[in-house]
């Protein structure tokens, strides 16, 4: 029986902050305060340093101020490499790149969402028009005497549109063009420095920008991870359910198979050769507090299957092993 996977909580693997599903959707499933290195995908840390600044009232006086920047302890990448300004606070305040296609994609999503809502209202309106309501049902459901006393009546149908259908913006279809932007003139003559060019992993880590040079690598917000629980599709019982706290590794419910299936270990490693019979010594462990009887089924090679198809009878013995709960270890 296949288990059904359910998401219980969403959390950041670095700061262990719990995020509701609505907030995670708005943040595009990324943490707002933790970053990954765009060069090696390692977690970035915040470093503090002091800088000398001049006083606004007296330029001759200087004062020290603490600022923060991001750095990678693995590849030594820093946020200063791409020209990001140092922040005055340790967490937050790091700006994001502006994507020129974000507004257009957001406009497309809003347009198709409005179209889907209008089509849904139209289907529900046609479905409700076939239903006939009597006077008694209307008076009981909508309190008809009180409604008649009002000066302005609101639509009784819950599927009445809340706005004008003309508010749906018209889309201008895009037209394909045969004109393609040409390659730069120095692409075949300029020497390529591999250390300054990004690799495929670095580009795919930021698919909306796909930087070509290392000077265009910006910090990446860390992806949030889910805590999953397993549920049986047949009886709908929980098989595995973790704790709500992200820092806890315990389970509220853990009905794993390793608590019921005997453990099989190889006692001594041997060299197996093709066409030569070899003896294998294994050990079995009973993880349950009950007695278990195991059956070793015979190995069925292709020759045995062919013999069965031809009608030949070949008997292979089935061996049984009894594991006592008081002495769970048994060798065979």
C-alpha atoms as a PDB file:
ATOM      1  CA  UNK A   1       0.000   0.000   0.000  1.00  0.00           C
ATOM      2  CA  UNK A   2       1.433   3.380  -1.054  1.00  0.00           C
ATOM      3  CA  UNK A   3       1.577   5.998   1.707  1.00  0.00           C
ATOM      4  CA  UNK A   4       0.313   9.520   1.172  1.00  0.00           C
ATOM      5  CA  UNK A   5       2.777  12.355   1.868  1.00  0.00           C
ATOM      6  CA  UNK A   6       1.442  15.415   3.701  1.00  0.00           C
ATOM      7  CA  UNK A   7       3.267  18.657   4.497  1.00  0.00           C
ATOM      8  CA  UNK A   8       3.001  19.609   8.175  1.00  0.00           C
ATOM      9  CA  UNK A   9       5.206  22.674   8.575  1.00  0.00           C
ATOM     10  CA  UNK A  10       7.583  24.813   6.529  1.00  0.00           C
ATOM     11  CA  UNK A  11      10.831  26.038   8.048  1.00  0.00           C
ATOM     12  CA  UNK A  12      14.210  27.489   7.156  1.00  0.00           C
ATOM     13  CA  UNK A  13      17.044  24.955   7.593  1.00  0.00           C
ATOM     14  CA  UNK A  14      19.450  27.676   8.763  1.00  0.00           C
ATOM     15  CA  UNK A  15      17.545  29.895  11.235  1.00  0.00           C
ATOM     16  CA  UNK A  16      14.836  27.249  11.964  1.00  0.00           C
ATOM     17  CA  UNK A  17      12.021  29.786  11.575  1.00  0.00           C
ATOM     18  CA  UNK A  18       8.510  28.425  11.017  1.00  0.00           C
ATOM     19  CA  UNK A  19       6.636  29.927   8.087  1.00  0.00           C
ATOM     20  CA  UNK A  20       2.895  29.618   7.350  1.00  0.00           C
ATOM     21  CA  UNK A  21       1.986  28.362   3.912  1.00  0.00           C
ATOM     22  CA  UNK A  22       0.541  31.729   2.849  1.00  0.00           C
ATOM     23  CA  UNK A  23       3.668  33.621   3.895  1.00  0.00           C
ATOM     24  CA  UNK A  24       5.904  31.051   2.228  1.00  0.00           C
ATOM     25  CA  UNK A  25       3.917  31.428  -0.990  1.00  0.00           C
ATOM     26  CA  UNK A  26       4.339  35.206  -0.916  1.00  0.00           C
ATOM     27  CA  UNK A  27       8.074  34.851  -0.334  1.00  0.00           C
ATOM     28  CA  UNK A  28       8.306  32.289  -3.151  1.00  0.00           C
ATOM     29  CA  UNK A  29       9.353  29.530  -0.717  1.00  0.00           C
ATOM     30  CA  UNK A  30      12.490  31.347   0.394  1.00  0.00           C
ATOM     31  CA  UNK A  31      13.689  32.642   3.747  1.00  0.00           C
ATOM     32  CA  UNK A  32      13.766  36.390   4.247  1.00  0.00           C
ATOM     33  CA  UNK A  33      16.911  36.562   6.386  1.00  0.00           C
ATOM     34  CA  UNK A  34      19.194  33.693   5.250  1.00  0.00           C
ATOM     35  CA  UNK A  35      21.226  33.559   2.037  1.00  0.00           C
ATOM     36  CA  UNK A  36      23.169  31.017   0.000  1.00  0.00           C
ATOM     37  CA  UNK A  37      26.432  31.684  -1.734  1.00  0.00           C
ATOM     38  CA  UNK A  38      25.860  32.165  -5.494  1.00  0.00           C
ATOM     39  CA  UNK A  39      29.290  30.705  -6.229  1.00  0.00           C
ATOM     40  CA  UNK A  40      29.339  27.443  -4.204  1.00  0.00           C
ATOM     41  CA  UNK A  41      25.783  27.257  -2.721  1.00  0.00           C
ATOM     42  CA  UNK A  42      27.148  27.341   0.840  1.00  0.00           C
ATOM     43  CA  UNK A  43      25.333  29.271   3.580  1.00  0.00           C
ATOM     44  CA  UNK A  44      26.479  32.869   3.864  1.00  0.00           C
ATOM     45  CA  UNK A  45      27.365  34.363   7.250  1.00  0.00           C
ATOM     46  CA  UNK A  46      27.209  37.975   8.374  1.00  0.00           C
ATOM     47  CA  UNK A  47      30.465  39.680   9.291  1.00  0.00           C
ATOM     48  CA  UNK A  48      30.825  43.013  11.114  1.00  0.00           C
ATOM     49  CA  UNK A  49      33.447  45.654  10.487  1.00  0.00           C
ATOM     50  CA  UNK A  50      33.970  49.284  11.458  1.00  0.00           C
ATOM     51  CA  UNK A  51      34.349  52.157   9.015  1.00  0.00           C
ATOM     52  CA  UNK A  52      35.366  55.753   9.557  1.00  0.00           C
ATOM     53  CA  UNK A  53      32.769  58.378   8.671  1.00  0.00           C
ATOM     54  CA  UNK A  54      32.830  62.153   8.898  1.00  0.00           C
ATOM     55  CA  UNK A  55      30.380  63.993  11.118  1.00  0.00           C
ATOM     56  CA  UNK A  56      27.692  65.908   9.167  1.00  0.00           C
ATOM     57  CA  UNK A  57      27.987  69.001  11.366  1.00  0.00           C
ATOM     58  CA  UNK A  58      31.817  69.090  11.493  1.00  0.00           C
ATOM     59  CA  UNK A  59      33.719  67.561   8.519  1.00  0.00           C
ATOM     60  CA  UNK A  60      36.977  67.651  10.448  1.00  0.00           C
ATOM     61  CA  UNK A  61      35.744  65.111  12.990  1.00  0.00           C
ATOM     62  CA  UNK A  62      35.488  61.394  12.206  1.00  0.00           C
ATOM     63  CA  UNK A  63      33.586  58.664  13.977  1.00  0.00           C
ATOM     64  CA  UNK A  64      33.602  54.886  13.666  1.00  0.00           C
ATOM     65  CA  UNK A  65      30.460  53.070  12.653  1.00  0.00           C
ATOM     66  CA  UNK A  66      29.756  49.350  12.578  1.00  0.00           C
ATOM     67  CA  UNK A  67      28.555  47.906   9.273  1.00  0.00           C
ATOM     68  CA  UNK A  68      27.767  44.370   8.138  1.00  0.00           C
ATOM     69  CA  UNK A  69      28.379  42.413   4.947  1.00  0.00           C
ATOM     70  CA  UNK A  70      27.855  38.834   3.735  1.00  0.00           C
ATOM     71  CA  UNK A  71      30.699  36.409   3.230  1.00  0.00           C
ATOM     72  CA  UNK A  72      31.146  32.740   2.408  1.00  0.00           C
ATOM     73  CA  UNK A  73      33.463  30.732   4.653  1.00  0.00           C
ATOM     74  CA  UNK A  74      34.070  28.162   1.922  1.00  0.00           C
ATOM     75  CA  UNK A  75      34.980  30.036  -1.259  1.00  0.00           C
ATOM     76  CA  UNK A  76      35.610  33.474   0.347  1.00  0.00           C
ATOM     77  CA  UNK A  77      32.949  35.189  -1.760  1.00  0.00           C
ATOM     78  CA  UNK A  78      31.632  38.441  -0.266  1.00  0.00           C
ATOM     79  CA  UNK A  79      28.780  40.766  -1.059  1.00  0.00           C
ATOM     80  CA  UNK A  80      31.345  43.482  -1.746  1.00  0.00           C
ATOM     81  CA  UNK A  81      32.484  41.599  -4.857  1.00  0.00           C
ATOM     82  CA  UNK A  82      29.318  42.620  -6.706  1.00  0.00           C
ATOM     83  CA  UNK A  83      29.145  46.136  -5.285  1.00  0.00           C
ATOM     84  CA  UNK A  84      26.432  45.591  -2.637  1.00  0.00           C
ATOM     85  CA  UNK A  85      26.526  48.293   0.002  1.00  0.00           C
ATOM     86  CA  UNK A  86      27.229  47.350   3.595  1.00  0.00           C
ATOM     87  CA  UNK A  87      24.215  47.374   5.874  1.00  0.00           C
ATOM     88  CA  UNK A  88      23.865  49.032   9.257  1.00  0.00           C
ATOM     89  CA  UNK A  89      21.813  46.142  10.682  1.00  0.00           C
ATOM     90  CA  UNK A  90      22.863  42.517  10.965  1.00  0.00           C
ATOM     91  CA  UNK A  91      19.682  40.957   9.542  1.00  0.00           C
ATOM     92  CA  UNK A  92      17.500  42.237   6.746  1.00  0.00           C
ATOM     93  CA  UNK A  93      17.944  45.227   4.515  1.00  0.00           C
ATOM     94  CA  UNK A  94      19.642  43.363   1.676  1.00  0.00           C
ATOM     95  CA  UNK A  95      18.146  44.464  -1.596  1.00  0.00           C
ATOM     96  CA  UNK A  96      17.082  42.193  -4.410  1.00  0.00           C
ATOM     97  CA  UNK A  97      17.702  42.420  -8.127  1.00  0.00           C
ATOM     98  CA  UNK A  98      15.006  43.937 -10.275  1.00  0.00           C
ATOM     99  CA  UNK A  99      13.758  41.562 -12.922  1.00  0.00           C
ATOM    100  CA  UNK A 100      12.523  43.316 -16.031  1.00  0.00           C
ATOM    101  CA  UNK A 101      10.119  40.456 -16.815  1.00  0.00           C
ATOM    102  CA  UNK A 102       8.569  40.243 -13.345  1.00  0.00           C
ATOM    103  CA  UNK A 103       5.879  42.872 -13.954  1.00  0.00           C
ATOM    104  CA  UNK A 104       4.897  41.328 -17.270  1.00  0.00           C
ATOM    105  CA  UNK A 105       4.642  37.836 -15.764  1.00  0.00           C
ATOM    106  CA  UNK A 106       2.647  39.213 -12.830  1.00  0.00           C
ATOM    107  CA  UNK A 107       0.299  40.933 -15.291  1.00  0.00           C
ATOM    108  CA  UNK A 108      -0.179  37.651 -17.156  1.00  0.00           C
ATOM    109  CA  UNK A 109      -0.998  35.785 -13.955  1.00  0.00           C
ATOM    110  CA  UNK A 110      -3.562  38.393 -12.902  1.00  0.00           C
ATOM    111  CA  UNK A 111      -5.148  38.385 -16.355  1.00  0.00           C
ATOM    112  CA  UNK A 112      -5.581  34.607 -16.519  1.00  0.00           C
ATOM    113  CA  UNK A 113      -6.758  34.505 -12.896  1.00  0.00           C
ATOM    114  CA  UNK A 114      -9.493  37.019 -13.766  1.00  0.00           C
ATOM    115  CA  UNK A 115     -10.451  34.996 -16.839  1.00  0.00           C
ATOM    116  CA  UNK A 116     -10.691  31.802 -14.797  1.00  0.00           C
ATOM    117  CA  UNK A 117     -12.872  33.536 -12.206  1.00  0.00           C
ATOM    118  CA  UNK A 118     -15.181  34.933 -14.898  1.00  0.00           C
ATOM    119  CA  UNK A 119     -15.558  31.515 -16.545  1.00  0.00           C
ATOM    120  CA  UNK A 120     -16.295  29.917 -13.190  1.00  0.00           C
ATOM    121  CA  UNK A 121     -19.004  32.484 -12.427  1.00  0.00           C
ATOM    122  CA  UNK A 122     -20.524  31.937 -15.862  1.00  0.00           C
ATOM    123  CA  UNK A 123     -20.694  28.153 -15.355  1.00  0.00           C
ATOM    124  CA  UNK A 124     -22.213  28.508 -11.909  1.00  0.00           C
ATOM    125  CA  UNK A 125     -24.737  31.023 -13.236  1.00  0.00           C
ATOM    126  CA  UNK A 126     -25.876  28.616 -15.970  1.00  0.00           C
ATOM    127  CA  UNK A 127     -26.099  25.793 -13.464  1.00  0.00           C
ATOM    128  CA  UNK A 128     -28.191  27.826 -11.009  1.00  0.00           C
ATOM    129  CA  UNK A 129     -30.559  29.082 -13.737  1.00  0.00           C
ATOM    130  CA  UNK A 130     -31.915  25.551 -14.262  1.00  0.00           C
ATOM    131  CA  UNK A 131     -32.997  25.263 -10.656  1.00  0.00           C
ATOM    132  CA  UNK A 132     -36.552  26.396  -9.913  1.00  0.00           C
ATOM    133  CA  UNK A 133     -37.295  27.817  -6.456  1.00  0.00           C
ATOM    134  CA  UNK A 134     -40.764  28.008  -4.919  1.00  0.00           C
ATOM    135  CA  UNK A 135     -42.180  30.899  -2.940  1.00  0.00           C
ATOM    136  CA  UNK A 136     -42.023  29.034   0.356  1.00  0.00           C
ATOM    137  CA  UNK A 137     -38.385  28.060  -0.050  1.00  0.00           C
ATOM    138  CA  UNK A 138     -37.435  31.643  -0.858  1.00  0.00           C
ATOM    139  CA  UNK A 139     -39.345  33.032   2.117  1.00  0.00           C
ATOM    140  CA  UNK A 140     -37.776  30.525   4.491  1.00  0.00           C
ATOM    141  CA  UNK A 141     -34.273  30.908   3.166  1.00  0.00           C
ATOM    142  CA  UNK A 142     -34.022  34.620   2.490  1.00  0.00           C
ATOM    143  CA  UNK A 143     -36.675  36.021   4.888  1.00  0.00           C
ATOM    144  CA  UNK A 144     -38.753  37.496   2.076  1.00  0.00           C
ATOM    145  CA  UNK A 145     -40.950  39.855   4.186  1.00  0.00           C
ATOM    146  CA  UNK A 146     -37.898  41.643   5.558  1.00  0.00           C
ATOM    147  CA  UNK A 147     -36.348  41.871   2.120  1.00  0.00           C
ATOM    148  CA  UNK A 148     -39.456  43.452   0.617  1.00  0.00           C
ATOM    149  CA  UNK A 149     -39.328  46.222   3.190  1.00  0.00           C
ATOM    150  CA  UNK A 150     -35.946  47.365   2.027  1.00  0.00           C
ATOM    151  CA  UNK A 151     -35.581  50.037  -0.616  1.00  0.00           C
ATOM    152  CA  UNK A 152     -32.703  48.446  -2.432  1.00  0.00           C
ATOM    153  CA  UNK A 153     -32.478  44.706  -2.837  1.00  0.00           C
ATOM    154  CA  UNK A 154     -29.157  42.966  -3.274  1.00  0.00           C
ATOM    155  CA  UNK A 155     -28.873  40.066  -5.718  1.00  0.00           C
ATOM    156  CA  UNK A 156     -29.953  36.804  -4.122  1.00  0.00           C
ATOM    157  CA  UNK A 157     -27.684  34.691  -6.230  1.00  0.00           C
ATOM    158  CA  UNK A 158     -24.269  34.063  -4.666  1.00  0.00           C
ATOM    159  CA  UNK A 159     -22.822  33.795  -8.167  1.00  0.00           C
ATOM    160  CA  UNK A 160     -23.559  37.349  -9.193  1.00  0.00           C
ATOM    161  CA  UNK A 161     -20.384  39.065 -10.382  1.00  0.00           C
ATOM    162  CA  UNK A 162     -18.849  41.513  -7.917  1.00  0.00           C
ATOM    163  CA  UNK A 163     -17.573  43.855 -10.583  1.00  0.00           C
ATOM    164  CA  UNK A 164     -17.885  44.758 -14.187  1.00  0.00           C
ATOM    165  CA  UNK A 165     -16.663  42.157 -16.643  1.00  0.00           C
ATOM    166  CA  UNK A 166     -15.078  44.931 -18.689  1.00  0.00           C
ATOM    167  CA  UNK A 167     -12.445  45.352 -15.982  1.00  0.00           C
ATOM    168  CA  UNK A 168     -10.580  42.372 -17.439  1.00  0.00           C
ATOM    169  CA  UNK A 169      -7.731  43.917 -19.343  1.00  0.00           C
ATOM    170  CA  UNK A 170      -7.260  42.993 -22.959  1.00  0.00           C
ATOM    171  CA  UNK A 171      -4.042  41.229 -23.833  1.00  0.00           C
ATOM    172  CA  UNK A 172      -1.999  42.291 -26.822  1.00  0.00           C
ATOM    173  CA  UNK A 173      -0.747  39.123 -28.525  1.00  0.00           C
ATOM    174  CA  UNK A 174       2.982  38.910 -29.035  1.00  0.00           C
ATOM    175  CA  UNK A 175       4.276  38.538 -32.561  1.00  0.00           C
ATOM    176  CA  UNK A 176       7.340  36.545 -33.523  1.00  0.00           C
ATOM    177  CA  UNK A 177      10.115  38.475 -35.201  1.00  0.00           C
ATOM    178  CA  UNK A 178      12.748  37.189 -37.568  1.00  0.00           C
ATOM    179  CA  UNK A 179      15.230  39.801 -36.394  1.00  0.00           C
ATOM    180  CA  UNK A 180      17.645  38.391 -33.841  1.00  0.00           C
ATOM    181  CA  UNK A 181      20.174  40.410 -31.924  1.00  0.00           C
ATOM    182  CA  UNK A 182      23.606  39.777 -33.350  1.00  0.00           C
ATOM    183  CA  UNK A 183      26.705  38.619 -31.533  1.00  0.00           C
ATOM    184  CA  UNK A 184      29.290  41.165 -30.390  1.00  0.00           C
ATOM    185  CA  UNK A 185      32.215  41.798 -32.716  1.00  0.00           C
ATOM    186  CA  UNK A 186      34.891  40.683 -30.256  1.00  0.00           C
ATOM    187  CA  UNK A 187      33.322  37.344 -29.336  1.00  0.00           C
ATOM    188  CA  UNK A 188      35.759  35.397 -31.553  1.00  0.00           C
ATOM    189  CA  UNK A 189      38.825  37.560 -30.962  1.00  0.00           C
ATOM    190  CA  UNK A 190      38.701  38.315 -27.225  1.00  0.00           C
ATOM    191  CA  UNK A 191      40.413  35.801 -24.950  1.00  0.00           C
ATOM    192  CA  UNK A 192      38.043  33.930 -22.630  1.00  0.00           C
ATOM    193  CA  UNK A 193      39.017  33.841 -18.949  1.00  0.00           C
ATOM    194  CA  UNK A 194      37.319  30.793 -17.476  1.00  0.00           C
ATOM    195  CA  UNK A 195      37.654  32.031 -13.898  1.00  0.00           C
ATOM    196  CA  UNK A 196      35.438  35.010 -14.714  1.00  0.00           C
ATOM    197  CA  UNK A 197      32.692  33.001 -16.453  1.00  0.00           C
ATOM    198  CA  UNK A 198      29.925  31.272 -14.491  1.00  0.00           C
ATOM    199  CA  UNK A 199      29.282  27.563 -14.845  1.00  0.00           C
ATOM    200  CA  UNK A 200      25.963  25.865 -15.487  1.00  0.00           C
ATOM    201  CA  UNK A 201      25.157  25.249 -11.799  1.00  0.00           C
ATOM    202  CA  UNK A 202      25.670  28.912 -10.946  1.00  0.00           C
ATOM    203  CA  UNK A 203      23.412  30.011 -13.782  1.00  0.00           C
ATOM    204  CA  UNK A 204      20.627  27.539 -13.014  1.00  0.00           C
ATOM    205  CA  UNK A 205      20.682  28.545  -9.331  1.00  0.00           C
ATOM    206  CA  UNK A 206      19.203  31.873 -10.483  1.00  0.00           C
ATOM    207  CA  UNK A 207      17.026  30.992 -13.507  1.00  0.00           C
ATOM    208  CA  UNK A 208      15.323  34.383 -13.665  1.00  0.00           C
ATOM    209  CA  UNK A 209      18.651  36.201 -14.274  1.00  0.00           C
ATOM    210  CA  UNK A 210      21.157  33.515 -15.407  1.00  0.00           C
ATOM    211  CA  UNK A 211      24.341  35.560 -14.837  1.00  0.00           C
ATOM    212  CA  UNK A 212      27.124  35.053 -17.367  1.00  0.00           C
ATOM    213  CA  UNK A 213      30.062  36.472 -15.381  1.00  0.00           C
ATOM    214  CA  UNK A 214      31.050  36.136 -11.733  1.00  0.00           C
ATOM    215  CA  UNK A 215      30.639  39.893 -11.253  1.00  0.00           C
ATOM    216  CA  UNK A 216      26.870  39.408 -11.720  1.00  0.00           C
ATOM    217  CA  UNK A 217      26.472  36.832  -8.929  1.00  0.00           C
ATOM    218  CA  UNK A 218      24.136  38.089  -6.211  1.00  0.00           C
ATOM    219  CA  UNK A 219      23.236  36.404  -2.900  1.00  0.00           C
ATOM    220  CA  UNK A 220      20.461  33.819  -3.184  1.00  0.00           C
ATOM    221  CA  UNK A 221      17.784  33.542  -0.543  1.00  0.00           C
ATOM    222  CA  UNK A 222      17.775  30.128   1.066  1.00  0.00           C
ATOM    223  CA  UNK A 223      15.003  27.700   0.139  1.00  0.00           C
ATOM    224  CA  UNK A 224      12.673  26.630   2.916  1.00  0.00           C
ATOM    225  CA  UNK A 225      12.142  22.934   3.626  1.00  0.00           C
ATOM    226  CA  UNK A 226       8.978  21.045   4.637  1.00  0.00           C
ATOM    227  CA  UNK A 227       8.399  18.597   7.456  1.00  0.00           C
ATOM    228  CA  UNK A 228       6.403  15.739   5.992  1.00  0.00           C
ATOM    229  CA  UNK A 229       4.152  13.123   7.531  1.00  0.00           C
ATOM    230  CA  UNK A 230       3.065   9.812   6.036  1.00  0.00           C
ATOM    231  CA  UNK A 231      -0.537   8.606   6.021  1.00  0.00           C
ATOM    232  CA  UNK A 232      -1.955   5.308   4.823  1.00  0.00           C
ATOM    233  CA  UNK A 233      -4.232   5.712   1.818  1.00  0.00           C
ATOM    234  CA  UNK A 234      -6.400   2.752   2.809  1.00  0.00           C
ATOM    235  CA  UNK A 235      -7.147   3.277   6.511  1.00  0.00           C
ATOM    236  CA  UNK A 236      -6.023   6.967   6.729  1.00  0.00           C
ATOM    237  CA  UNK A 237      -3.896   6.311   9.824  1.00  0.00           C
ATOM    238  CA  UNK A 238      -0.710   8.262  10.430  1.00  0.00           C
ATOM    239  CA  UNK A 239       2.415   6.198   9.852  1.00  0.00           C
ATOM    240  CA  UNK A 240       4.955   8.910  10.591  1.00  0.00           C
ATOM    241  CA  UNK A 241       4.406  12.357  12.067  1.00  0.00           C
ATOM    242  CA  UNK A 242       7.310  14.595  13.198  1.00  0.00           C
ATOM    243  CA  UNK A 243       7.362  17.183  15.964  1.00  0.00           C
ATOM    244  CA  UNK A 244       6.217  20.711  15.149  1.00  0.00           C
ATOM    245  CA  UNK A 245       9.461  22.285  16.376  1.00  0.00           C
ATOM    246  CA  UNK A 246      11.996  22.382  13.499  1.00  0.00           C
ATOM    247  CA  UNK A 247      14.942  21.855  15.864  1.00  0.00           C
ATOM    248  CA  UNK A 248      13.490  18.595  17.171  1.00  0.00           C
ATOM    249  CA  UNK A 249      14.405  15.332  15.467  1.00  0.00           C
ATOM    250  CA  UNK A 250      11.854  13.257  17.380  1.00  0.00           C
ATOM    251  CA  UNK A 251       8.577  11.925  16.040  1.00  0.00           C
ATOM    252  CA  UNK A 252       5.119  12.022  17.546  1.00  0.00           C
ATOM    253  CA  UNK A 253       4.211   8.897  15.591  1.00  0.00           C
ATOM    254  CA  UNK A 254       6.796   6.582  14.054  1.00  0.00           C
ATOM    255  CA  UNK A 255       5.486   3.276  12.761  1.00  0.00           C
ATOM    256  CA  UNK A 256       8.425   2.475  10.520  1.00  0.00           C
ATOM    257  CA  UNK A 257       9.011  -0.980   9.104  1.00  0.00           C
ATOM    258  CA  UNK A 258      12.364  -1.290  10.862  1.00  0.00           C
ATOM    259  CA  UNK A 259      10.466  -1.774  14.137  1.00  0.00           C
ATOM    260  CA  UNK A 260       8.761  -4.905  12.764  1.00  0.00           C
ATOM    261  CA  UNK A 261      10.923  -6.367   9.990  1.00  0.00           C
ATOM    262  CA  UNK A 262      13.856  -8.524  11.188  1.00  0.00           C
ATOM    263  CA  UNK A 263      17.301  -7.152  10.540  1.00  0.00           C
ATOM    264  CA  UNK A 264      19.525  -9.225   8.256  1.00  0.00           C
ATOM    265  CA  UNK A 265      23.308  -8.842   8.423  1.00  0.00           C
ATOM    266  CA  UNK A 266      26.163 -10.501   6.579  1.00  0.00           C
ATOM    267  CA  UNK A 267      28.485 -12.088   9.143  1.00  0.00           C
ATOM    268  CA  UNK A 268      31.511 -12.600   6.921  1.00  0.00           C
ATOM    269  CA  UNK A 269      32.273 -11.114   3.543  1.00  0.00           C
ATOM    270  CA  UNK A 270      33.045 -13.643   0.817  1.00  0.00           C
ATOM    271  CA  UNK A 271      34.150 -13.459  -2.788  1.00  0.00           C
ATOM    272  CA  UNK A 272      31.400 -14.574  -5.130  1.00  0.00           C
ATOM    273  CA  UNK A 273      32.364 -16.246  -8.405  1.00  0.00           C
ATOM    274  CA  UNK A 274      30.149 -16.903 -11.388  1.00  0.00           C
ATOM    275  CA  UNK A 275      29.137 -20.548 -11.803  1.00  0.00           C
ATOM    276  CA  UNK A 276      30.530 -21.625  -8.398  1.00  0.00           C
ATOM    277  CA  UNK A 277      28.380 -22.402  -5.344  1.00  0.00           C
ATOM    278  CA  UNK A 278      29.322 -20.333  -2.296  1.00  0.00           C
ATOM    279  CA  UNK A 279      28.134 -20.499   1.296  1.00  0.00           C
ATOM    280  CA  UNK A 280      26.903 -17.290   2.892  1.00  0.00           C
ATOM    281  CA  UNK A 281      26.574 -16.841   6.646  1.00  0.00           C
ATOM    282  CA  UNK A 282      24.019 -14.290   7.796  1.00  0.00           C
ATOM    283  CA  UNK A 283      22.646 -13.189  11.163  1.00  0.00           C
ATOM    284  CA  UNK A 284      19.069 -12.235  11.965  1.00  0.00           C
ATOM    285  CA  UNK A 285      17.844  -9.872  14.686  1.00  0.00           C
ATOM    286  CA  UNK A 286      14.328  -9.811  16.093  1.00  0.00           C
ATOM    287  CA  UNK A 287      13.421  -6.150  16.875  1.00  0.00           C
ATOM    288  CA  UNK A 288       9.989  -6.971  18.313  1.00  0.00           C
ATOM    289  CA  UNK A 289       9.121  -8.351  21.788  1.00  0.00           C
ATOM    290  CA  UNK A 290       7.307 -11.288  20.155  1.00  0.00           C
ATOM    291  CA  UNK A 291       8.409 -14.600  18.639  1.00  0.00           C
ATOM    292  CA  UNK A 292       8.941 -14.565  14.885  1.00  0.00           C
ATOM    293  CA  UNK A 293       9.123 -17.419  12.378  1.00  0.00           C
ATOM    294  CA  UNK A 294      10.946 -16.674   9.144  1.00  0.00           C
ATOM    295  CA  UNK A 295      10.728 -18.628   5.910  1.00  0.00           C
ATOM    296  CA  UNK A 296      13.612 -18.675   3.422  1.00  0.00           C
ATOM    297  CA  UNK A 297      12.132 -19.040  -0.043  1.00  0.00           C
ATOM    298  CA  UNK A 298      14.204 -20.773  -2.715  1.00  0.00           C
ATOM    299  CA  UNK A 299      15.989 -18.840  -5.388  1.00  0.00           C
ATOM    300  CA  UNK A 300      14.204 -19.201  -8.736  1.00  0.00           C
ATOM    301  CA  UNK A 301      16.614 -18.846 -11.678  1.00  0.00           C
ATOM    302  CA  UNK A 302      15.576 -18.584 -15.285  1.00  0.00           C
ATOM    303  CA  UNK A 303      16.239 -22.296 -15.836  1.00  0.00           C
ATOM    304  CA  UNK A 304      13.696 -23.182 -13.153  1.00  0.00           C
ATOM    305  CA  UNK A 305      11.084 -20.960 -14.805  1.00  0.00           C
ATOM    306  CA  UNK A 306      11.731 -22.590 -18.173  1.00  0.00           C
ATOM    307  CA  UNK A 307      11.390 -26.035 -16.583  1.00  0.00           C
ATOM    308  CA  UNK A 308       8.035 -25.047 -15.095  1.00  0.00           C
ATOM    309  CA  UNK A 309       6.823 -23.917 -18.503  1.00  0.00           C
ATOM    310  CA  UNK A 310       7.828 -27.290 -19.980  1.00  0.00           C
ATOM    311  CA  UNK A 311       5.963 -29.186 -17.254  1.00  0.00           C
ATOM    312  CA  UNK A 312       8.994 -30.554 -15.406  1.00  0.00           C
ATOM    313  CA  UNK A 313       8.673 -30.851 -11.613  1.00  0.00           C
ATOM    314  CA  UNK A 314      11.549 -29.584  -9.502  1.00  0.00           C
ATOM    315  CA  UNK A 315      11.084 -29.271  -5.763  1.00  0.00           C
ATOM    316  CA  UNK A 316      13.085 -26.804  -3.684  1.00  0.00           C
ATOM    317  CA  UNK A 317      12.860 -26.989   0.065  1.00  0.00           C
ATOM    318  CA  UNK A 318      11.656 -24.046   2.134  1.00  0.00           C
ATOM    319  CA  UNK A 319      13.645 -23.517   5.339  1.00  0.00           C
ATOM    320  CA  UNK A 320      12.099 -22.012   8.467  1.00  0.00           C
ATOM    321  CA  UNK A 321      13.945 -20.183  11.234  1.00  0.00           C
ATOM    322  CA  UNK A 322      12.456 -19.508  14.675  1.00  0.00           C
ATOM    323  CA  UNK A 323      13.564 -16.339  16.470  1.00  0.00           C
ATOM    324  CA  UNK A 324      12.913 -16.340  20.211  1.00  0.00           C
ATOM    325  CA  UNK A 325      12.030 -13.046  21.858  1.00  0.00           C
ATOM    326  CA  UNK A 326      14.382 -13.858  24.784  1.00  0.00           C
ATOM    327  CA  UNK A 327      17.318 -14.545  22.453  1.00  0.00           C
ATOM    328  CA  UNK A 328      16.753 -12.377  19.376  1.00  0.00           C
ATOM    329  CA  UNK A 329      20.027 -13.227  17.650  1.00  0.00           C
ATOM    330  CA  UNK A 330      20.149 -16.318  15.501  1.00  0.00           C
ATOM    331  CA  UNK A 331      22.732 -17.314  12.905  1.00  0.00           C
ATOM    332  CA  UNK A 332      22.092 -19.476   9.890  1.00  0.00           C
END
